C-alpha atoms as a PDB file:
ATOM      1  CA  UNK A   1      82.725 125.182 111.875  1.00  0.00           C
ATOM      2  CA  UNK A   2      85.162 127.971 111.037  1.00  0.00           C
ATOM      3  CA  UNK A   3      87.161 127.694 107.876  1.00  0.00           C
ATOM      4  CA  UNK A   4      90.849 127.033 108.385  1.00  0.00           C
ATOM      5  CA  UNK A   5      93.472 128.397 106.096  1.00  0.00           C
ATOM      6  CA  UNK A   6      94.136 125.489 103.769  1.00  0.00           C
ATOM      7  CA  UNK A   7      95.943 125.571 100.461  1.00  0.00           C
ATOM      8  CA  UNK A   8      95.031 122.351  98.591  1.00  0.00           C
ATOM      9  CA  UNK A   9      98.058 122.837  96.362  1.00  0.00           C
ATOM     10  CA  UNK A  10     100.278 122.444  99.419  1.00  0.00           C
ATOM     11  CA  UNK A  11      99.307 118.772  99.758  1.00  0.00           C
ATOM     12  CA  UNK A  12      99.363 117.852  96.073  1.00  0.00           C
ATOM     13  CA  UNK A  13     102.397 116.527  94.195  1.00  0.00           C
ATOM     14  CA  UNK A  14     104.770 119.108  92.756  1.00  0.00           C
ATOM     15  CA  UNK A  15     103.405 120.562  89.524  1.00  0.00           C
ATOM     16  CA  UNK A  16      99.800 119.531  90.241  1.00  0.00           C
ATOM     17  CA  UNK A  17      97.064 122.129  90.274  1.00  0.00           C
ATOM     18  CA  UNK A  18      93.542 122.051  91.569  1.00  0.00           C
ATOM     19  CA  UNK A  19      90.450 124.147  91.044  1.00  0.00           C
ATOM     20  CA  UNK A  20      89.553 123.823  94.728  1.00  0.00           C
ATOM     21  CA  UNK A  21      89.374 127.248  96.282  1.00  0.00           C
ATOM     22  CA  UNK A  22      86.987 126.873  99.220  1.00  0.00           C
ATOM     23  CA  UNK A  23      88.082 123.850 101.219  1.00  0.00           C
ATOM     24  CA  UNK A  24      88.030 123.170 104.949  1.00  0.00           C
ATOM     25  CA  UNK A  25      90.171 120.777 106.938  1.00  0.00           C
ATOM     26  CA  UNK A  26      86.886 119.125 107.953  1.00  0.00           C
ATOM     27  CA  UNK A  27      86.201 118.419 104.247  1.00  0.00           C
ATOM     28  CA  UNK A  28      89.503 116.566 104.008  1.00  0.00           C
ATOM     29  CA  UNK A  29      88.743 114.559 107.179  1.00  0.00           C
ATOM     30  CA  UNK A  30      85.348 113.483 105.855  1.00  0.00           C
ATOM     31  CA  UNK A  31      86.813 112.590 102.472  1.00  0.00           C
ATOM     32  CA  UNK A  32      89.479 110.440 104.118  1.00  0.00           C
ATOM     33  CA  UNK A  33      86.892 108.682 106.294  1.00  0.00           C
ATOM     34  CA  UNK A  34      84.595 108.118 103.306  1.00  0.00           C
ATOM     35  CA  UNK A  35      87.393 106.522 101.316  1.00  0.00           C
ATOM     36  CA  UNK A  36      88.352 104.370 104.284  1.00  0.00           C
ATOM     37  CA  UNK A  37      84.758 103.138 104.582  1.00  0.00           C
ATOM     38  CA  UNK A  38      84.574 102.361 100.869  1.00  0.00           C
ATOM     39  CA  UNK A  39      87.774 100.320 101.192  1.00  0.00           C
ATOM     40  CA  UNK A  40      86.245  98.256 103.989  1.00  0.00           C
ATOM     41  CA  UNK A  41      87.995  99.791 106.975  1.00  0.00           C
ATOM     42  CA  UNK A  42      86.093  99.063 110.183  1.00  0.00           C
ATOM     43  CA  UNK A  43      84.071 101.863 111.734  1.00  0.00           C
ATOM     44  CA  UNK A  44      86.080 101.449 114.940  1.00  0.00           C
ATOM     45  CA  UNK A  45      89.309 102.249 113.076  1.00  0.00           C
ATOM     46  CA  UNK A  46      87.732 105.161 111.198  1.00  0.00           C
ATOM     47  CA  UNK A  47      86.361 106.605 114.426  1.00  0.00           C
ATOM     48  CA  UNK A  48      89.678 106.250 116.203  1.00  0.00           C
ATOM     49  CA  UNK A  49      91.480 107.940 113.320  1.00  0.00           C
ATOM     50  CA  UNK A  50      89.048 110.837 113.407  1.00  0.00           C
ATOM     51  CA  UNK A  51      89.277 111.105 117.185  1.00  0.00           C
ATOM     52  CA  UNK A  52      85.579 110.380 117.739  1.00  0.00           C
ATOM     53  CA  UNK A  53      84.701 109.558 121.339  1.00  0.00           C
ATOM     54  CA  UNK A  54      81.163 108.448 120.459  1.00  0.00           C
ATOM     55  CA  UNK A  55      80.480 105.667 117.915  1.00  0.00           C
ATOM     56  CA  UNK A  56      77.399 107.557 116.710  1.00  0.00           C
ATOM     57  CA  UNK A  57      79.657 110.228 115.237  1.00  0.00           C
ATOM     58  CA  UNK A  58      81.245 107.584 113.019  1.00  0.00           C
ATOM     59  CA  UNK A  59      78.040 105.671 112.218  1.00  0.00           C
ATOM     60  CA  UNK A  60      77.210 107.885 109.233  1.00  0.00           C
ATOM     61  CA  UNK A  61      80.039 106.235 107.294  1.00  0.00           C
ATOM     62  CA  UNK A  62      78.378 102.810 107.573  1.00  0.00           C
ATOM     63  CA  UNK A  63      76.187 103.619 104.563  1.00  0.00           C
ATOM     64  CA  UNK A  64      79.331 103.552 102.423  1.00  0.00           C
ATOM     65  CA  UNK A  65      80.298 100.009 103.416  1.00  0.00           C
ATOM     66  CA  UNK A  66      78.078  98.132 100.967  1.00  0.00           C
ATOM     67  CA  UNK A  67      80.728  96.168  99.085  1.00  0.00           C
ATOM     68  CA  UNK A  68      81.339  93.598 101.832  1.00  0.00           C
ATOM     69  CA  UNK A  69      77.588  93.175 102.393  1.00  0.00           C
ATOM     70  CA  UNK A  70      77.013  92.637  98.678  1.00  0.00           C
ATOM     71  CA  UNK A  71      79.900  90.144  98.521  1.00  0.00           C
ATOM     72  CA  UNK A  72      78.573  88.202 101.500  1.00  0.00           C
ATOM     73  CA  UNK A  73      75.025  88.015 100.115  1.00  0.00           C
ATOM     74  CA  UNK A  74      76.328  86.845  96.728  1.00  0.00           C
ATOM     75  CA  UNK A  75      78.558  84.198  98.301  1.00  0.00           C
ATOM     76  CA  UNK A  76      75.793  82.813 100.528  1.00  0.00           C
ATOM     77  CA  UNK A  77      73.234  82.868  97.710  1.00  0.00           C
ATOM     78  CA  UNK A  78      75.572  80.836  95.490  1.00  0.00           C
ATOM     79  CA  UNK A  79      76.158  78.341  98.301  1.00  0.00           C
ATOM     80  CA  UNK A  80      72.419  77.995  98.902  1.00  0.00           C
ATOM     81  CA  UNK A  81      71.700  77.473  95.215  1.00  0.00           C
ATOM     82  CA  UNK A  82      74.503  74.906  94.942  1.00  0.00           C
ATOM     83  CA  UNK A  83      73.133  73.031  97.962  1.00  0.00           C
ATOM     84  CA  UNK A  84      69.615  73.111  96.530  1.00  0.00           C
ATOM     85  CA  UNK A  85      70.829  71.692  93.190  1.00  0.00           C
ATOM     86  CA  UNK A  86      72.573  68.792  94.959  1.00  0.00           C
ATOM     87  CA  UNK A  87      69.379  67.808  96.758  1.00  0.00           C
ATOM     88  CA  UNK A  88      67.201  67.568  93.629  1.00  0.00           C
END
């Protein structure tokens, strides 16, 4: 993918500086999508925001959505243990 002219300082708050010198618009898109996935945004929303027409293009972000899986497993495990303790 060709590199677009992108000045990272143009999108930062006034007075901020960055050491980024070789950045592509695609890098910013992937960073946004990665952060969305980490915050629990659905893959459908991420894909729509990125303009993906094929879900497989967005699927790579699913590996970043572990927090909700971990929370669900913890919640169910606690419920199972509590139920087991009531039966004994």
